[in-house]
Amino acid sequence: MTRLLTILLFAVVALSVLALIDCLRTDRSRVRSFPRAAWAAIILLIPVSGAVVWFLGGRAAAAPAGVAAARRPMGPDDDPVFLRQLTEQLRRR
C-alpha cells in the first residue's frame, strides 16, 4: 500500500511540474482565460485538477504546420523574389 501511495504521489508531483513548466514556457499569446501567474497558482494550489484544466483549456491550440511554416522567416535562397532580384542584378553587370 505504501508503494502505491508513493507512486501516486510521484505521479501527482510529476504532472504538476510538467503543467507548471508548460504554463511558464507557453507563449503569452497562446495563454487563454487567465494571466499566466493565475494559471501557475491554479496548477500549484489544485495539483491534479489544475494541471488537467491547464492542458485542456489553458492554452490555445498551436497553428497547423503549414500556417506556422508560412509565417516563419525564409532564408534568402528560399525566397523567389530575392532570387529573381539577384538574377536581374547579375545580368545588369
C-alpha atoms as a PDB file:
ATOM      1  CA  MET A   1       0.000   0.000   0.000  1.00  0.00           C
ATOM      2  CA  THR A   2       2.863   2.365   0.796  1.00  0.00           C
ATOM      3  CA  ARG A   3       4.414   1.760  -2.613  1.00  0.00           C
ATOM      4  CA  LEU A   4       1.158   2.578  -4.358  1.00  0.00           C
ATOM      5  CA  LEU A   5       0.815   5.835  -2.419  1.00  0.00           C
ATOM      6  CA  THR A   6       4.434   6.702  -3.229  1.00  0.00           C
ATOM      7  CA  ILE A   7       3.837   6.067  -6.930  1.00  0.00           C
ATOM      8  CA  LEU A   8       0.636   8.143  -6.888  1.00  0.00           C
ATOM      9  CA  LEU A   9       2.397  10.973  -5.062  1.00  0.00           C
ATOM     10  CA  PHE A  10       5.208  10.879  -7.621  1.00  0.00           C
ATOM     11  CA  ALA A  11       2.673  10.941 -10.479  1.00  0.00           C
ATOM     12  CA  VAL A  12       0.846  13.941  -8.990  1.00  0.00           C
ATOM     13  CA  VAL A  13       4.085  15.843  -8.477  1.00  0.00           C
ATOM     14  CA  ALA A  14       5.317  14.986 -11.984  1.00  0.00           C
ATOM     15  CA  LEU A  15       2.025  16.075 -13.562  1.00  0.00           C
ATOM     16  CA  SER A  16       2.053  19.337 -11.633  1.00  0.00           C
ATOM     17  CA  VAL A  17       5.674  20.066 -12.518  1.00  0.00           C
ATOM     18  CA  LEU A  18       5.064  19.330 -16.209  1.00  0.00           C
ATOM     19  CA  ALA A  19       1.973  21.550 -16.258  1.00  0.00           C
ATOM     20  CA  LEU A  20       3.801  24.363 -14.460  1.00  0.00           C
ATOM     21  CA  ILE A  21       6.780  24.205 -16.835  1.00  0.00           C
ATOM     22  CA  ASP A  22       4.452  24.124 -19.835  1.00  0.00           C
ATOM     23  CA  CYS A  23       2.494  27.076 -18.460  1.00  0.00           C
ATOM     24  CA  LEU A  24       5.612  29.157 -17.891  1.00  0.00           C
ATOM     25  CA  ARG A  25       7.111  28.299 -21.304  1.00  0.00           C
ATOM     26  CA  THR A  26       3.946  28.824 -23.342  1.00  0.00           C
ATOM     27  CA  ASP A  27       3.944  31.979 -25.438  1.00  0.00           C
ATOM     28  CA  ARG A  28       1.873  34.721 -23.839  1.00  0.00           C
ATOM     29  CA  SER A  29      -0.371  34.967 -26.905  1.00  0.00           C
ATOM     30  CA  ARG A  30      -1.447  31.319 -26.509  1.00  0.00           C
ATOM     31  CA  VAL A  31      -2.481  31.560 -22.824  1.00  0.00           C
ATOM     32  CA  ARG A  32      -6.283  31.678 -22.513  1.00  0.00           C
ATOM     33  CA  SER A  33      -8.786  32.769 -19.855  1.00  0.00           C
ATOM     34  CA  PHE A  34      -6.398  33.921 -17.109  1.00  0.00           C
ATOM     35  CA  PRO A  35      -2.974  35.545 -16.890  1.00  0.00           C
ATOM     36  CA  ARG A  36      -0.020  33.193 -16.700  1.00  0.00           C
ATOM     37  CA  ALA A  37       0.546  33.893 -12.986  1.00  0.00           C
ATOM     38  CA  ALA A  38      -3.042  32.906 -12.204  1.00  0.00           C
ATOM     39  CA  TRP A  39      -2.616  29.656 -14.148  1.00  0.00           C
ATOM     40  CA  ALA A  40       0.588  28.910 -12.246  1.00  0.00           C
ATOM     41  CA  ALA A  41      -1.222  29.478  -8.944  1.00  0.00           C
ATOM     42  CA  ILE A  42      -4.106  27.233 -10.033  1.00  0.00           C
ATOM     43  CA  ILE A  43      -1.693  24.462 -11.030  1.00  0.00           C
ATOM     44  CA  LEU A  44       0.145  24.677  -7.715  1.00  0.00           C
ATOM     45  CA  LEU A  45      -2.888  25.059  -5.428  1.00  0.00           C
ATOM     46  CA  ILE A  46      -5.075  22.416  -7.088  1.00  0.00           C
ATOM     47  CA  PRO A  47      -2.492  19.808  -8.111  1.00  0.00           C
ATOM     48  CA  VAL A  48      -4.290  17.282 -10.319  1.00  0.00           C
ATOM     49  CA  SER A  49      -7.338  19.265 -11.411  1.00  0.00           C
ATOM     50  CA  GLY A  50      -5.325  22.435 -12.049  1.00  0.00           C
ATOM     51  CA  ALA A  51      -2.882  20.609 -14.309  1.00  0.00           C
ATOM     52  CA  VAL A  52      -5.646  18.848 -16.218  1.00  0.00           C
ATOM     53  CA  VAL A  53      -7.589  22.092 -16.700  1.00  0.00           C
ATOM     54  CA  TRP A  54      -4.389  23.801 -17.918  1.00  0.00           C
ATOM     55  CA  PHE A  55      -3.711  21.108 -20.505  1.00  0.00           C
ATOM     56  CA  LEU A  56      -7.336  21.021 -21.687  1.00  0.00           C
ATOM     57  CA  GLY A  57      -8.277  24.685 -21.695  1.00  0.00           C
ATOM     58  CA  GLY A  58      -5.497  26.969 -20.570  1.00  0.00           C
ATOM     59  CA  ARG A  59      -3.573  27.217 -23.796  1.00  0.00           C
ATOM     60  CA  ALA A  60      -4.735  27.759 -27.321  1.00  0.00           C
ATOM     61  CA  ALA A  61      -4.003  25.113 -29.904  1.00  0.00           C
ATOM     62  CA  ALA A  62      -0.879  25.555 -31.975  1.00  0.00           C
ATOM     63  CA  ALA A  63      -1.276  26.706 -35.554  1.00  0.00           C
ATOM     64  CA  PRO A  64      -1.279  23.967 -38.197  1.00  0.00           C
ATOM     65  CA  ALA A  65       2.135  23.084 -39.596  1.00  0.00           C
ATOM     66  CA  GLY A  66       1.520  24.751 -42.959  1.00  0.00           C
ATOM     67  CA  VAL A  67       0.429  28.028 -41.359  1.00  0.00           C
ATOM     68  CA  ALA A  68       3.387  28.154 -38.995  1.00  0.00           C
ATOM     69  CA  ALA A  69       5.808  27.434 -41.812  1.00  0.00           C
ATOM     70  CA  ALA A  70       4.314  30.213 -43.919  1.00  0.00           C
ATOM     71  CA  ARG A  71       4.849  32.778 -41.154  1.00  0.00           C
ATOM     72  CA  ARG A  72       8.376  31.654 -40.442  1.00  0.00           C
ATOM     73  CA  PRO A  73      11.042  33.918 -41.973  1.00  0.00           C
ATOM     74  CA  MET A  74      12.561  32.410 -45.062  1.00  0.00           C
ATOM     75  CA  GLY A  75      16.235  32.339 -45.897  1.00  0.00           C
ATOM     76  CA  PRO A  76      17.348  34.389 -48.890  1.00  0.00           C
ATOM     77  CA  ASP A  77      17.836  31.312 -51.052  1.00  0.00           C
ATOM     78  CA  ASP A  78      14.252  30.180 -50.301  1.00  0.00           C
ATOM     79  CA  ASP A  79      12.691  33.495 -51.318  1.00  0.00           C
ATOM     80  CA  PRO A  80      11.789  33.536 -55.039  1.00  0.00           C
ATOM     81  CA  VAL A  81      11.527  37.337 -55.116  1.00  0.00           C
ATOM     82  CA  PHE A  82      15.047  37.719 -53.723  1.00  0.00           C
ATOM     83  CA  LEU A  83      16.434  35.181 -56.187  1.00  0.00           C
ATOM     84  CA  ARG A  84      14.744  36.968 -59.102  1.00  0.00           C
ATOM     85  CA  GLN A  85      16.175  40.322 -57.991  1.00  0.00           C
ATOM     86  CA  LEU A  86      19.617  38.777 -57.579  1.00  0.00           C
ATOM     87  CA  THR A  87      19.464  37.291 -61.083  1.00  0.00           C
ATOM     88  CA  GLU A  88      18.449  40.655 -62.541  1.00  0.00           C
ATOM     89  CA  GLN A  89      21.311  42.423 -60.744  1.00  0.00           C
ATOM     90  CA  LEU A  90      23.823  39.893 -62.065  1.00  0.00           C
ATOM     91  CA  ARG A  91      22.519  40.304 -65.632  1.00  0.00           C
ATOM     92  CA  ARG A  92      22.895  44.089 -65.454  1.00  0.00           C
ATOM     93  CA  ARG A  93      26.607  43.816 -64.677  1.00  0.00           C
END
